Amino acid sequence: MKILVTGGAGFIGSAVVRLAVARGHQVVNLDALTYAACLDNVASVADSPLYSFEHADIRNRAALDAVLARHEPDAIMHLAAESHVDRSIDGPGDFVETNVTGTFNLLEAARAHWVRKGKPQGFRFHHISTDEVFGSLGATGKFTEDTPYAPNSPYSASKAASDHLVRAWHETYGLPVVLTNCSNNYGPFHFPEKLVPVVILNALAGKPIPVYGNGQNVRDWLFVEDHADALLCVLDKGAIGRSYNIGGENEARNIDLVRIICALLDEMRPDGAPYDRLITFVADRPGHDLRYAIDPTRIRTELGWRPSVTVEEGLRRTVRWYLDNETWWRALQNRAGVGQRLGVKA
């Protein structure tokens, strides 16, 4: 299968690219190379005859048409997105332009490509989204695919809008789509503005480890390589027009996650221990959702997929990766906004 992956130089997208190539798929990586993208993320497959790269922006419809005509993919996996909640608070316009207008452009380009090819039955448009579109849970309950949308940040609102567009293009035009909504990802190549890498890198630098509010916010943590495996599973076996929630089955409070990382660093890099002395509670972000949790029943029962990596194992692998790949993360620390507190303008 030839797969066009949008955002394939990003964190989750690059994991999909690496796994798809490893499994023998032809992969076209389309990426605008914005601040959070890094081609080093796909260096391990860059020389493969199965891999090609297109520097293009999903906000540019003409560029999308040209790429699709040139490569004629059998499937599109749409991961390109602005994804940092704090940045969406400071600059929501970029999120609307990329996540909403960009998705519209890609849907229209994909529809034109699908029609031009005679509407092949095997074609798929796989839209990758987030559990944040469902809003916030209380102390109990879990998100299912039927949970009403209730986004609370500009980021999650823009992703909710893109989900609705994808569904509408299936219902109105018959475009063969599948959708997935995932929980919080973590793992190697995670851009250093997100929680897990912030904890690791601040600890290594002896800087305060910021924890929003009182650290009681709960997330379901999904190892990125598990997520990539689930996405390819849905692409291959998912029912057209169906959505699937992908969770790690690893709920944890933010403060507990931070303490696990500190303990791992105490073990692996003891010269700076104890790292939990650096934990610092800071003002919460505006509209911070209390809890996310995924009910993975549908993907488990219909497609036979479930995560293979526990949060303890995944965090151990992640910490070790950051310790072993200092050159990678140091090169990204000079990018705009990295290391600064964002999302406080509300």
C-alpha atoms as a PDB file:
ATOM      1  CA  MET A   1       0.000   0.000   0.000  1.00  0.00           C
ATOM      2  CA  LYS A   2       1.140   3.532  -0.724  1.00  0.00           C
ATOM      3  CA  ILE A   3       0.240   5.831   2.165  1.00  0.00           C
ATOM      4  CA  LEU A   4       0.394   9.620   2.208  1.00  0.00           C
ATOM      5  CA  VAL A   5       1.091  10.713   5.793  1.00  0.00           C
ATOM      6  CA  THR A   6       0.529  14.378   6.565  1.00  0.00           C
ATOM      7  CA  GLY A   7       2.626  15.729   9.416  1.00  0.00           C
ATOM      8  CA  GLY A   8       5.052  12.843   9.107  1.00  0.00           C
ATOM      9  CA  ALA A   9       7.964  14.829  10.535  1.00  0.00           C
ATOM     10  CA  GLY A  10       6.112  15.450  13.786  1.00  0.00           C
ATOM     11  CA  PHE A  11       5.981  13.335  16.912  1.00  0.00           C
ATOM     12  CA  ILE A  12       3.131  10.902  16.194  1.00  0.00           C
ATOM     13  CA  GLY A  13       3.398  11.209  12.418  1.00  0.00           C
ATOM     14  CA  SER A  14       7.043  10.173  12.393  1.00  0.00           C
ATOM     15  CA  ALA A  15       6.227   7.112  14.507  1.00  0.00           C
ATOM     16  CA  VAL A  16       3.626   6.151  11.891  1.00  0.00           C
ATOM     17  CA  VAL A  17       6.109   6.733   9.065  1.00  0.00           C
ATOM     18  CA  ARG A  18       8.809   4.609  10.681  1.00  0.00           C
ATOM     19  CA  LEU A  19       6.434   1.738  11.459  1.00  0.00           C
ATOM     20  CA  ALA A  20       4.713   1.796   8.058  1.00  0.00           C
ATOM     21  CA  VAL A  21       8.044   1.633   6.221  1.00  0.00           C
ATOM     22  CA  ALA A  22       9.209  -1.160   8.527  1.00  0.00           C
ATOM     23  CA  ARG A  23       6.094  -3.105   7.533  1.00  0.00           C
ATOM     24  CA  GLY A  24       6.779  -2.709   3.830  1.00  0.00           C
ATOM     25  CA  HIS A  25       4.402   0.106   2.913  1.00  0.00           C
ATOM     26  CA  GLN A  26       5.386   2.878   0.550  1.00  0.00           C
ATOM     27  CA  VAL A  27       5.171   6.135   2.459  1.00  0.00           C
ATOM     28  CA  VAL A  28       4.956   9.716   1.218  1.00  0.00           C
ATOM     29  CA  ASN A  29       5.661  12.103   4.093  1.00  0.00           C
ATOM     30  CA  LEU A  30       4.016  15.491   3.519  1.00  0.00           C
ATOM     31  CA  ASP A  31       5.044  18.099   6.068  1.00  0.00           C
ATOM     32  CA  ALA A  32       5.235  21.896   6.170  1.00  0.00           C
ATOM     33  CA  LEU A  33       8.200  21.680   8.591  1.00  0.00           C
ATOM     34  CA  THR A  34       6.784  24.140  11.091  1.00  0.00           C
ATOM     35  CA  TYR A  35       8.388  24.691  14.501  1.00  0.00           C
ATOM     36  CA  ALA A  36       7.478  21.260  15.953  1.00  0.00           C
ATOM     37  CA  ALA A  37       8.620  19.204  12.949  1.00  0.00           C
ATOM     38  CA  CYS A  38      12.043  17.630  12.631  1.00  0.00           C
ATOM     39  CA  LEU A  39      13.298  15.505   9.758  1.00  0.00           C
ATOM     40  CA  ASP A  40      15.721  13.815  12.147  1.00  0.00           C
ATOM     41  CA  ASN A  41      12.612  12.010  13.428  1.00  0.00           C
ATOM     42  CA  VAL A  42      12.517   9.980  10.209  1.00  0.00           C
ATOM     43  CA  ALA A  43      16.266   9.753   9.569  1.00  0.00           C
ATOM     44  CA  SER A  44      16.166   5.983  10.133  1.00  0.00           C
ATOM     45  CA  VAL A  45      13.987   5.511   7.022  1.00  0.00           C
ATOM     46  CA  ALA A  46      15.090   8.480   4.917  1.00  0.00           C
ATOM     47  CA  ASP A  47      17.243   6.351   2.618  1.00  0.00           C
ATOM     48  CA  SER A  48      14.650   3.614   2.150  1.00  0.00           C
ATOM     49  CA  PRO A  49      13.300   3.175  -1.387  1.00  0.00           C
ATOM     50  CA  LEU A  50       9.873   2.977   0.238  1.00  0.00           C
ATOM     51  CA  TYR A  51      10.101   6.531   1.596  1.00  0.00           C
ATOM     52  CA  SER A  52       9.726   9.927  -0.047  1.00  0.00           C
ATOM     53  CA  PHE A  53       9.292  13.424   1.340  1.00  0.00           C
ATOM     54  CA  GLU A  54       7.179  16.334   0.120  1.00  0.00           C
ATOM     55  CA  HIS A  55       7.650  19.764   1.683  1.00  0.00           C
ATOM     56  CA  ALA A  56       4.118  21.134   1.462  1.00  0.00           C
ATOM     57  CA  ASP A  57       1.507  22.837   3.619  1.00  0.00           C
ATOM     58  CA  ILE A  58      -2.047  21.496   3.960  1.00  0.00           C
ATOM     59  CA  ARG A  59      -3.255  25.095   3.823  1.00  0.00           C
ATOM     60  CA  ASN A  60      -2.094  25.152   0.168  1.00  0.00           C
ATOM     61  CA  ARG A  61      -4.694  23.324  -1.930  1.00  0.00           C
ATOM     62  CA  ALA A  62      -2.691  23.544  -5.169  1.00  0.00           C
ATOM     63  CA  ALA A  63       0.291  21.910  -3.487  1.00  0.00           C
ATOM     64  CA  LEU A  64      -1.900  19.091  -2.192  1.00  0.00           C
ATOM     65  CA  ASP A  65      -3.356  18.458  -5.646  1.00  0.00           C
ATOM     66  CA  ALA A  66       0.135  18.299  -7.126  1.00  0.00           C
ATOM     67  CA  VAL A  67       1.392  15.842  -4.515  1.00  0.00           C
ATOM     68  CA  LEU A  68      -1.603  13.552  -4.913  1.00  0.00           C
ATOM     69  CA  ALA A  69      -1.284  13.585  -8.712  1.00  0.00           C
ATOM     70  CA  ARG A  70       2.424  12.835  -8.476  1.00  0.00           C
ATOM     71  CA  HIS A  71       2.214   9.964  -5.985  1.00  0.00           C
ATOM     72  CA  GLU A  72      -1.343   8.577  -6.376  1.00  0.00           C
ATOM     73  CA  PRO A  73      -1.590   7.139  -2.850  1.00  0.00           C
ATOM     74  CA  ASP A  74      -3.924   4.318  -1.870  1.00  0.00           C
ATOM     75  CA  ALA A  75      -4.623   5.923   1.504  1.00  0.00           C
ATOM     76  CA  ILE A  76      -4.170   9.186   3.367  1.00  0.00           C
ATOM     77  CA  MET A  77      -3.356   9.344   7.069  1.00  0.00           C
ATOM     78  CA  HIS A  78      -3.982  12.888   8.233  1.00  0.00           C
ATOM     79  CA  LEU A  79      -1.877  13.788  11.284  1.00  0.00           C
ATOM     80  CA  ALA A  80      -0.745  17.321  10.368  1.00  0.00           C
ATOM     81  CA  ALA A  81      -2.063  19.688  13.028  1.00  0.00           C
ATOM     82  CA  GLU A  82      -1.247  22.435  15.438  1.00  0.00           C
ATOM     83  CA  SER A  83      -1.500  20.526  18.699  1.00  0.00           C
ATOM     84  CA  HIS A  84      -0.191  22.423  21.735  1.00  0.00           C
ATOM     85  CA  VAL A  85      -3.027  23.658  23.957  1.00  0.00           C
ATOM     86  CA  ASP A  86      -0.954  26.458  25.507  1.00  0.00           C
ATOM     87  CA  ARG A  87      -0.010  27.815  22.083  1.00  0.00           C
ATOM     88  CA  SER A  88      -3.674  27.701  21.038  1.00  0.00           C
ATOM     89  CA  ILE A  89      -4.547  29.981  23.944  1.00  0.00           C
ATOM     90  CA  ASP A  90      -1.972  32.545  22.814  1.00  0.00           C
ATOM     91  CA  GLY A  91      -2.615  32.257  19.060  1.00  0.00           C
ATOM     92  CA  PRO A  92      -5.864  30.485  18.133  1.00  0.00           C
ATOM     93  CA  GLY A  93      -5.812  31.708  14.531  1.00  0.00           C
ATOM     94  CA  ASP A  94      -3.023  29.331  13.530  1.00  0.00           C
ATOM     95  CA  PHE A  95      -5.047  26.428  14.896  1.00  0.00           C
ATOM     96  CA  VAL A  96      -8.144  27.351  12.907  1.00  0.00           C
ATOM     97  CA  GLU A  97      -6.147  27.851   9.720  1.00  0.00           C
ATOM     98  CA  THR A  98      -4.254  24.562   9.959  1.00  0.00           C
ATOM     99  CA  ASN A  99      -6.656  22.236  11.738  1.00  0.00           C
ATOM    100  CA  VAL A 100      -9.898  23.433  10.156  1.00  0.00           C
ATOM    101  CA  THR A 101      -9.060  25.058   6.827  1.00  0.00           C
ATOM    102  CA  GLY A 102      -6.139  22.689   6.254  1.00  0.00           C
ATOM    103  CA  THR A 103      -8.329  19.662   6.847  1.00  0.00           C
ATOM    104  CA  PHE A 104     -10.959  21.082   4.485  1.00  0.00           C
ATOM    105  CA  ASN A 105      -8.300  21.515   1.777  1.00  0.00           C
ATOM    106  CA  LEU A 106      -7.046  17.984   2.281  1.00  0.00           C
ATOM    107  CA  LEU A 107     -10.547  16.522   2.176  1.00  0.00           C
ATOM    108  CA  GLU A 108     -11.294  18.314  -1.078  1.00  0.00           C
ATOM    109  CA  ALA A 109      -7.969  17.282  -2.612  1.00  0.00           C
ATOM    110  CA  ALA A 110      -8.530  13.704  -1.453  1.00  0.00           C
ATOM    111  CA  ARG A 111     -12.063  13.665  -2.860  1.00  0.00           C
ATOM    112  CA  ALA A 112     -10.858  14.932  -6.229  1.00  0.00           C
ATOM    113  CA  HIS A 113      -8.101  12.305  -6.251  1.00  0.00           C
ATOM    114  CA  TRP A 114     -10.538   9.535  -5.283  1.00  0.00           C
ATOM    115  CA  VAL A 115     -13.011  10.528  -7.999  1.00  0.00           C
ATOM    116  CA  ARG A 116     -10.259  10.875 -10.601  1.00  0.00           C
ATOM    117  CA  LYS A 117      -9.110   7.318  -9.812  1.00  0.00           C
ATOM    118  CA  GLY A 118     -12.639   5.967 -10.304  1.00  0.00           C
ATOM    119  CA  LYS A 119     -13.587   5.830  -6.600  1.00  0.00           C
ATOM    120  CA  PRO A 120     -11.524   2.720  -5.758  1.00  0.00           C
ATOM    121  CA  GLN A 121     -13.105   0.673  -2.973  1.00  0.00           C
ATOM    122  CA  GLY A 122      -9.804   0.235  -1.165  1.00  0.00           C
ATOM    123  CA  PHE A 123      -9.081   3.944  -0.761  1.00  0.00           C
ATOM    124  CA  ARG A 124      -9.138   5.298   2.787  1.00  0.00           C
ATOM    125  CA  PHE A 125      -8.924   8.753   4.353  1.00  0.00           C
ATOM    126  CA  HIS A 126      -7.858   8.235   7.965  1.00  0.00           C
ATOM    127  CA  HIS A 127      -8.305  11.292  10.156  1.00  0.00           C
ATOM    128  CA  ILE A 128      -6.343  11.249  13.418  1.00  0.00           C
ATOM    129  CA  SER A 129      -7.804  13.319  16.256  1.00  0.00           C
ATOM    130  CA  THR A 130      -7.755  13.625  20.040  1.00  0.00           C
ATOM    131  CA  ASP A 131      -9.846  12.732  23.074  1.00  0.00           C
ATOM    132  CA  GLU A 132      -9.804  16.425  24.018  1.00  0.00           C
ATOM    133  CA  VAL A 133     -12.747  17.010  21.657  1.00  0.00           C
ATOM    134  CA  PHE A 134     -14.968  15.331  24.279  1.00  0.00           C
ATOM    135  CA  GLY A 135     -14.185  17.880  26.968  1.00  0.00           C
ATOM    136  CA  SER A 136     -13.569  16.985  30.598  1.00  0.00           C
ATOM    137  CA  LEU A 137     -14.671  14.076  32.767  1.00  0.00           C
ATOM    138  CA  GLY A 138     -15.370  14.017  36.471  1.00  0.00           C
ATOM    139  CA  ALA A 139     -13.922  11.453  38.835  1.00  0.00           C
ATOM    140  CA  THR A 140     -15.693   8.578  37.067  1.00  0.00           C
ATOM    141  CA  GLY A 141     -16.699   7.561  33.552  1.00  0.00           C
ATOM    142  CA  LYS A 142     -14.852   7.220  30.278  1.00  0.00           C
ATOM    143  CA  PHE A 143     -15.108   8.629  26.775  1.00  0.00           C
ATOM    144  CA  THR A 144     -16.753   6.393  24.199  1.00  0.00           C
ATOM    145  CA  GLU A 145     -17.170   7.042  20.505  1.00  0.00           C
ATOM    146  CA  ASP A 146     -20.701   8.249  21.267  1.00  0.00           C
ATOM    147  CA  THR A 147     -19.685  10.828  23.892  1.00  0.00           C
ATOM    148  CA  PRO A 148     -20.990  14.271  22.854  1.00  0.00           C
ATOM    149  CA  TYR A 149     -18.339  16.745  21.758  1.00  0.00           C
ATOM    150  CA  ALA A 150     -17.631  19.515  24.285  1.00  0.00           C
ATOM    151  CA  PRO A 151     -14.202  21.032  23.518  1.00  0.00           C
ATOM    152  CA  ASN A 152     -12.851  23.533  26.019  1.00  0.00           C
ATOM    153  CA  SER A 153      -9.720  24.980  24.372  1.00  0.00           C
ATOM    154  CA  PRO A 154      -9.089  26.586  20.986  1.00  0.00           C
ATOM    155  CA  TYR A 155      -6.990  23.526  20.120  1.00  0.00           C
ATOM    156  CA  SER A 156      -9.670  20.979  20.959  1.00  0.00           C
ATOM    157  CA  ALA A 157     -12.357  23.110  19.299  1.00  0.00           C
ATOM    158  CA  SER A 158     -10.354  23.211  16.079  1.00  0.00           C
ATOM    159  CA  LYS A 159      -9.882  19.433  16.169  1.00  0.00           C
ATOM    160  CA  ALA A 160     -13.586  18.925  16.868  1.00  0.00           C
ATOM    161  CA  ALA A 161     -14.379  21.037  13.813  1.00  0.00           C
ATOM    162  CA  SER A 162     -12.051  18.956  11.672  1.00  0.00           C
ATOM    163  CA  ASP A 163     -13.674  15.734  12.926  1.00  0.00           C
ATOM    164  CA  HIS A 164     -17.080  17.063  11.891  1.00  0.00           C
ATOM    165  CA  LEU A 165     -15.785  17.992   8.439  1.00  0.00           C
ATOM    166  CA  VAL A 166     -14.438  14.483   7.904  1.00  0.00           C
ATOM    167  CA  ARG A 167     -17.719  12.913   8.941  1.00  0.00           C
ATOM    168  CA  ALA A 168     -19.655  15.282   6.656  1.00  0.00           C
ATOM    169  CA  TRP A 169     -17.457  14.492   3.653  1.00  0.00           C
ATOM    170  CA  HIS A 170     -18.261  10.820   4.193  1.00  0.00           C
ATOM    171  CA  GLU A 171     -21.991  11.341   4.616  1.00  0.00           C
ATOM    172  CA  THR A 172     -22.382  13.891   1.805  1.00  0.00           C
ATOM    173  CA  TYR A 173     -19.835  12.783  -0.781  1.00  0.00           C
ATOM    174  CA  GLY A 174     -19.260   9.151   0.144  1.00  0.00           C
ATOM    175  CA  LEU A 175     -15.555   9.651   0.775  1.00  0.00           C
ATOM    176  CA  PRO A 176     -14.365   6.458   2.511  1.00  0.00           C
ATOM    177  CA  VAL A 177     -13.115   7.708   5.863  1.00  0.00           C
ATOM    178  CA  VAL A 178     -12.134   6.302   9.232  1.00  0.00           C
ATOM    179  CA  LEU A 179     -11.555   8.435  12.327  1.00  0.00           C
ATOM    180  CA  THR A 180      -9.583   7.890  15.510  1.00  0.00           C
ATOM    181  CA  ASN A 181      -9.433   9.870  18.747  1.00  0.00           C
ATOM    182  CA  CYS A 182      -6.422   9.149  20.913  1.00  0.00           C
ATOM    183  CA  SER A 183      -5.400   9.824  24.481  1.00  0.00           C
ATOM    184  CA  ASN A 184      -2.172  11.604  25.548  1.00  0.00           C
ATOM    185  CA  ASN A 185       0.854  10.299  23.694  1.00  0.00           C
ATOM    186  CA  TYR A 186       4.405  10.141  25.007  1.00  0.00           C
ATOM    187  CA  GLY A 187       7.650   8.506  23.927  1.00  0.00           C
ATOM    188  CA  PRO A 188      10.794   9.072  21.841  1.00  0.00           C
ATOM    189  CA  PHE A 189      10.970  12.176  19.615  1.00  0.00           C
ATOM    190  CA  HIS A 190       8.366  14.029  21.702  1.00  0.00           C
ATOM    191  CA  PHE A 191       8.801  17.754  21.045  1.00  0.00           C
ATOM    192  CA  PRO A 192      10.301  19.376  24.171  1.00  0.00           C
ATOM    193  CA  GLU A 193       7.378  21.643  25.056  1.00  0.00           C
ATOM    194  CA  LYS A 194       5.030  18.856  26.194  1.00  0.00           C
ATOM    195  CA  LEU A 195       4.756  17.588  29.776  1.00  0.00           C
ATOM    196  CA  VAL A 196       6.896  14.438  29.703  1.00  0.00           C
ATOM    197  CA  PRO A 197       9.921  15.946  27.917  1.00  0.00           C
ATOM    198  CA  VAL A 198       9.598  19.160  29.950  1.00  0.00           C
ATOM    199  CA  VAL A 199       9.915  17.129  33.150  1.00  0.00           C
ATOM    200  CA  ILE A 200      12.916  15.185  31.860  1.00  0.00           C
ATOM    201  CA  LEU A 201      14.802  18.123  30.401  1.00  0.00           C
ATOM    202  CA  ASN A 202      14.125  20.545  33.257  1.00  0.00           C
ATOM    203  CA  ALA A 203      15.246  17.914  35.734  1.00  0.00           C
ATOM    204  CA  LEU A 204      18.463  17.288  33.824  1.00  0.00           C
ATOM    205  CA  ALA A 205      19.126  21.035  33.749  1.00  0.00           C
ATOM    206  CA  GLY A 206      18.395  21.432  37.459  1.00  0.00           C
ATOM    207  CA  LYS A 207      15.502  23.780  36.688  1.00  0.00           C
ATOM    208  CA  PRO A 208      12.079  23.857  38.365  1.00  0.00           C
ATOM    209  CA  ILE A 209       9.711  21.191  37.069  1.00  0.00           C
ATOM    210  CA  PRO A 210       6.406  23.035  36.487  1.00  0.00           C
ATOM    211  CA  VAL A 211       3.203  21.228  37.412  1.00  0.00           C
ATOM    212  CA  TYR A 212      -0.027  23.057  36.598  1.00  0.00           C
ATOM    213  CA  GLY A 213      -2.453  23.703  39.449  1.00  0.00           C
ATOM    214  CA  ASN A 214      -2.267  20.998  42.093  1.00  0.00           C
ATOM    215  CA  GLY A 215      -1.233  18.212  39.710  1.00  0.00           C
ATOM    216  CA  GLN A 216      -4.527  16.345  40.075  1.00  0.00           C
ATOM    217  CA  ASN A 217      -5.415  16.426  36.366  1.00  0.00           C
ATOM    218  CA  VAL A 218      -5.734  12.876  35.064  1.00  0.00           C
ATOM    219  CA  ARG A 219      -4.748  11.659  31.611  1.00  0.00           C
ATOM    220  CA  ASP A 220      -4.758   8.266  29.885  1.00  0.00           C
ATOM    221  CA  TRP A 221      -1.158   7.820  28.697  1.00  0.00           C
ATOM    222  CA  LEU A 222      -0.503   6.077  25.367  1.00  0.00           C
ATOM    223  CA  PHE A 223       2.998   5.104  24.241  1.00  0.00           C
ATOM    224  CA  VAL A 224       3.487   6.607  20.793  1.00  0.00           C
ATOM    225  CA  GLU A 225       4.657   3.366  19.179  1.00  0.00           C
ATOM    226  CA  ASP A 226       1.522   1.621  20.439  1.00  0.00           C
ATOM    227  CA  HIS A 227      -0.491   4.458  18.910  1.00  0.00           C
ATOM    228  CA  ALA A 228       1.227   4.072  15.532  1.00  0.00           C
ATOM    229  CA  ASP A 229       0.415   0.352  15.608  1.00  0.00           C
ATOM    230  CA  ALA A 230      -3.236   1.110  16.394  1.00  0.00           C
ATOM    231  CA  LEU A 231      -3.473   3.653  13.586  1.00  0.00           C
ATOM    232  CA  LEU A 232      -2.206   1.192  10.991  1.00  0.00           C
ATOM    233  CA  CYS A 233      -4.615  -1.399  12.390  1.00  0.00           C
ATOM    234  CA  VAL A 234      -7.562   0.982  11.928  1.00  0.00           C
ATOM    235  CA  LEU A 235      -6.387   1.907   8.444  1.00  0.00           C
ATOM    236  CA  ASP A 236      -6.272  -1.765   7.505  1.00  0.00           C
ATOM    237  CA  LYS A 237      -9.328  -3.142   9.301  1.00  0.00           C
ATOM    238  CA  GLY A 238     -11.508  -0.237  10.409  1.00  0.00           C
ATOM    239  CA  ALA A 239     -15.059   0.017   9.065  1.00  0.00           C
ATOM    240  CA  ILE A 240     -15.707   2.893   6.668  1.00  0.00           C
ATOM    241  CA  GLY A 241     -17.399   5.815   8.383  1.00  0.00           C
ATOM    242  CA  ARG A 242     -16.550   4.421  11.811  1.00  0.00           C
ATOM    243  CA  SER A 243     -14.636   6.149  14.594  1.00  0.00           C
ATOM    244  CA  TYR A 244     -12.372   4.402  17.096  1.00  0.00           C
ATOM    245  CA  ASN A 245     -11.093   5.668  20.434  1.00  0.00           C
ATOM    246  CA  ILE A 246      -7.485   4.683  21.118  1.00  0.00           C
ATOM    247  CA  GLY A 247      -6.329   4.702  24.730  1.00  0.00           C
ATOM    248  CA  GLY A 248      -3.312   3.460  26.593  1.00  0.00           C
ATOM    249  CA  GLU A 249      -5.345   1.978  29.476  1.00  0.00           C
ATOM    250  CA  ASN A 250      -2.885   3.855  31.697  1.00  0.00           C
ATOM    251  CA  GLU A 251      -4.662   6.559  33.702  1.00  0.00           C
ATOM    252  CA  ALA A 252      -2.423   8.652  35.935  1.00  0.00           C
ATOM    253  CA  ARG A 253      -2.539  11.982  37.711  1.00  0.00           C
ATOM    254  CA  ASN A 254      -0.028  14.478  36.371  1.00  0.00           C
ATOM    255  CA  ILE A 255       1.757  14.701  39.716  1.00  0.00           C
ATOM    256  CA  ASP A 256       2.122  10.918  39.887  1.00  0.00           C
ATOM    257  CA  LEU A 257       3.487  10.801  36.353  1.00  0.00           C
ATOM    258  CA  VAL A 258       6.017  13.502  37.202  1.00  0.00           C
ATOM    259  CA  ARG A 259       7.154  11.601  40.300  1.00  0.00           C
ATOM    260  CA  ILE A 260       7.594   8.388  38.306  1.00  0.00           C
ATOM    261  CA  ILE A 261       9.839  10.255  35.854  1.00  0.00           C
ATOM    262  CA  CYS A 262      11.832  11.786  38.720  1.00  0.00           C
ATOM    263  CA  ALA A 263      12.345   8.335  40.258  1.00  0.00           C
ATOM    264  CA  LEU A 264      13.546   6.955  36.926  1.00  0.00           C
ATOM    265  CA  LEU A 265      16.009   9.821  36.604  1.00  0.00           C
ATOM    266  CA  ASP A 266      17.200   9.202  40.181  1.00  0.00           C
ATOM    267  CA  GLU A 267      18.049   5.673  39.040  1.00  0.00           C
ATOM    268  CA  MET A 268      19.484   6.425  35.593  1.00  0.00           C
ATOM    269  CA  ARG A 269      21.207   9.772  36.257  1.00  0.00           C
ATOM    270  CA  PRO A 270      21.816   9.781  40.021  1.00  0.00           C
ATOM    271  CA  ASP A 271      24.248  12.701  40.065  1.00  0.00           C
ATOM    272  CA  GLY A 272      21.292  15.122  40.134  1.00  0.00           C
ATOM    273  CA  ALA A 273      19.065  13.163  42.515  1.00  0.00           C
ATOM    274  CA  PRO A 274      16.618  13.538  44.105  1.00  0.00           C
ATOM    275  CA  TYR A 275      14.860  15.210  41.191  1.00  0.00           C
ATOM    276  CA  ASP A 276      11.472  15.515  42.866  1.00  0.00           C
ATOM    277  CA  ARG A 277      12.910  18.415  44.913  1.00  0.00           C
ATOM    278  CA  LEU A 278      12.533  20.442  41.684  1.00  0.00           C
ATOM    279  CA  ILE A 279       8.753  19.957  41.428  1.00  0.00           C
ATOM    280  CA  THR A 280       7.093  23.371  41.463  1.00  0.00           C
ATOM    281  CA  PHE A 281       3.330  23.970  41.348  1.00  0.00           C
ATOM    282  CA  VAL A 282       2.431  26.851  39.024  1.00  0.00           C
ATOM    283  CA  ALA A 283      -0.770  28.677  38.096  1.00  0.00           C
ATOM    284  CA  ASP A 284      -3.099  26.420  36.157  1.00  0.00           C
ATOM    285  CA  ARG A 285      -3.776  26.967  32.471  1.00  0.00           C
ATOM    286  CA  PRO A 286      -7.138  28.564  31.564  1.00  0.00           C
ATOM    287  CA  GLY A 287      -9.835  25.970  30.854  1.00  0.00           C
ATOM    288  CA  HIS A 288      -7.643  23.060  31.952  1.00  0.00           C
ATOM    289  CA  ASP A 289      -9.687  19.856  31.628  1.00  0.00           C
ATOM    290  CA  LEU A 290      -9.697  17.811  34.826  1.00  0.00           C
ATOM    291  CA  ARG A 291      -9.700  14.271  33.518  1.00  0.00           C
ATOM    292  CA  TYR A 292      -9.606  12.295  30.285  1.00  0.00           C
ATOM    293  CA  ALA A 293     -10.168   8.549  30.086  1.00  0.00           C
ATOM    294  CA  ILE A 294     -10.758   6.327  27.080  1.00  0.00           C
ATOM    295  CA  ASP A 295     -13.100   3.350  26.856  1.00  0.00           C
ATOM    296  CA  PRO A 296     -11.271   1.184  24.270  1.00  0.00           C
ATOM    297  CA  THR A 297     -13.983  -1.456  23.944  1.00  0.00           C
ATOM    298  CA  ARG A 298     -14.743  -0.805  20.267  1.00  0.00           C
ATOM    299  CA  ILE A 299     -11.196  -1.073  18.935  1.00  0.00           C
ATOM    300  CA  ARG A 300     -10.522  -4.081  21.156  1.00  0.00           C
ATOM    301  CA  THR A 301     -13.653  -6.028  20.250  1.00  0.00           C
ATOM    302  CA  GLU A 302     -13.994  -5.061  16.583  1.00  0.00           C
ATOM    303  CA  LEU A 303     -10.341  -4.919  15.534  1.00  0.00           C
ATOM    304  CA  GLY A 304      -8.581  -6.962  18.197  1.00  0.00           C
ATOM    305  CA  TRP A 305      -6.176  -4.197  19.195  1.00  0.00           C
ATOM    306  CA  ARG A 306      -5.023  -3.209  22.640  1.00  0.00           C
ATOM    307  CA  PRO A 307      -1.905  -1.423  23.944  1.00  0.00           C
ATOM    308  CA  SER A 308       1.178  -3.475  24.725  1.00  0.00           C
ATOM    309  CA  VAL A 309       3.232  -0.985  26.760  1.00  0.00           C
ATOM    310  CA  THR A 310       2.462  -0.084  30.387  1.00  0.00           C
ATOM    311  CA  VAL A 311       3.074   3.488  31.508  1.00  0.00           C
ATOM    312  CA  GLU A 312       5.943   2.318  33.739  1.00  0.00           C
ATOM    313  CA  GLU A 313       7.680   0.510  30.875  1.00  0.00           C
ATOM    314  CA  GLY A 314       6.962   3.291  28.401  1.00  0.00           C
ATOM    315  CA  LEU A 315       8.307   6.005  30.679  1.00  0.00           C
ATOM    316  CA  ARG A 316      11.452   3.978  31.343  1.00  0.00           C
ATOM    317  CA  ARG A 317      12.036   3.642  27.597  1.00  0.00           C
ATOM    318  CA  THR A 318      11.283   7.330  27.082  1.00  0.00           C
ATOM    319  CA  VAL A 319      13.649   8.577  29.796  1.00  0.00           C
ATOM    320  CA  ARG A 320      16.400   6.334  28.484  1.00  0.00           C
ATOM    321  CA  TRP A 321      15.839   7.669  24.951  1.00  0.00           C
ATOM    322  CA  TYR A 322      16.201  11.290  26.075  1.00  0.00           C
ATOM    323  CA  LEU A 323      19.362  10.471  28.011  1.00  0.00           C
ATOM    324  CA  ASP A 324      20.811   8.810  24.924  1.00  0.00           C
ATOM    325  CA  ASN A 325      19.728  11.472  22.396  1.00  0.00           C
ATOM    326  CA  GLU A 326      20.887  14.781  23.794  1.00  0.00           C
ATOM    327  CA  THR A 327      21.952  16.060  20.369  1.00  0.00           C
ATOM    328  CA  TRP A 328      18.382  15.698  19.102  1.00  0.00           C
ATOM    329  CA  TRP A 329      16.665  17.635  21.878  1.00  0.00           C
ATOM    330  CA  ARG A 330      19.316  20.308  22.310  1.00  0.00           C
ATOM    331  CA  ALA A 331      18.867  21.307  18.670  1.00  0.00           C
ATOM    332  CA  LEU A 332      15.145  21.911  19.304  1.00  0.00           C
ATOM    333  CA  GLN A 333      15.444  23.909  22.498  1.00  0.00           C
ATOM    334  CA  ASN A 334      16.233  27.098  20.591  1.00  0.00           C
ATOM    335  CA  ARG A 335      12.984  27.036  18.640  1.00  0.00           C
ATOM    336  CA  ALA A 336      10.389  29.735  19.305  1.00  0.00           C
ATOM    337  CA  GLY A 337       8.498  29.323  22.556  1.00  0.00           C
ATOM    338  CA  VAL A 338      10.360  26.246  23.801  1.00  0.00           C
ATOM    339  CA  GLY A 339      11.197  26.558  27.486  1.00  0.00           C
ATOM    340  CA  GLN A 340       8.784  29.447  27.996  1.00  0.00           C
ATOM    341  CA  ARG A 341       5.464  29.421  29.853  1.00  0.00           C
ATOM    342  CA  LEU A 342       2.763  29.828  27.221  1.00  0.00           C
ATOM    343  CA  GLY A 343      -1.017  29.963  27.415  1.00  0.00           C
ATOM    344  CA  VAL A 344      -1.412  32.559  30.138  1.00  0.00           C
ATOM    345  CA  LYS A 345      -3.092  35.319  28.101  1.00  0.00           C
ATOM    346  CA  ALA A 346      -6.703  34.325  28.716  1.00  0.00           C
END
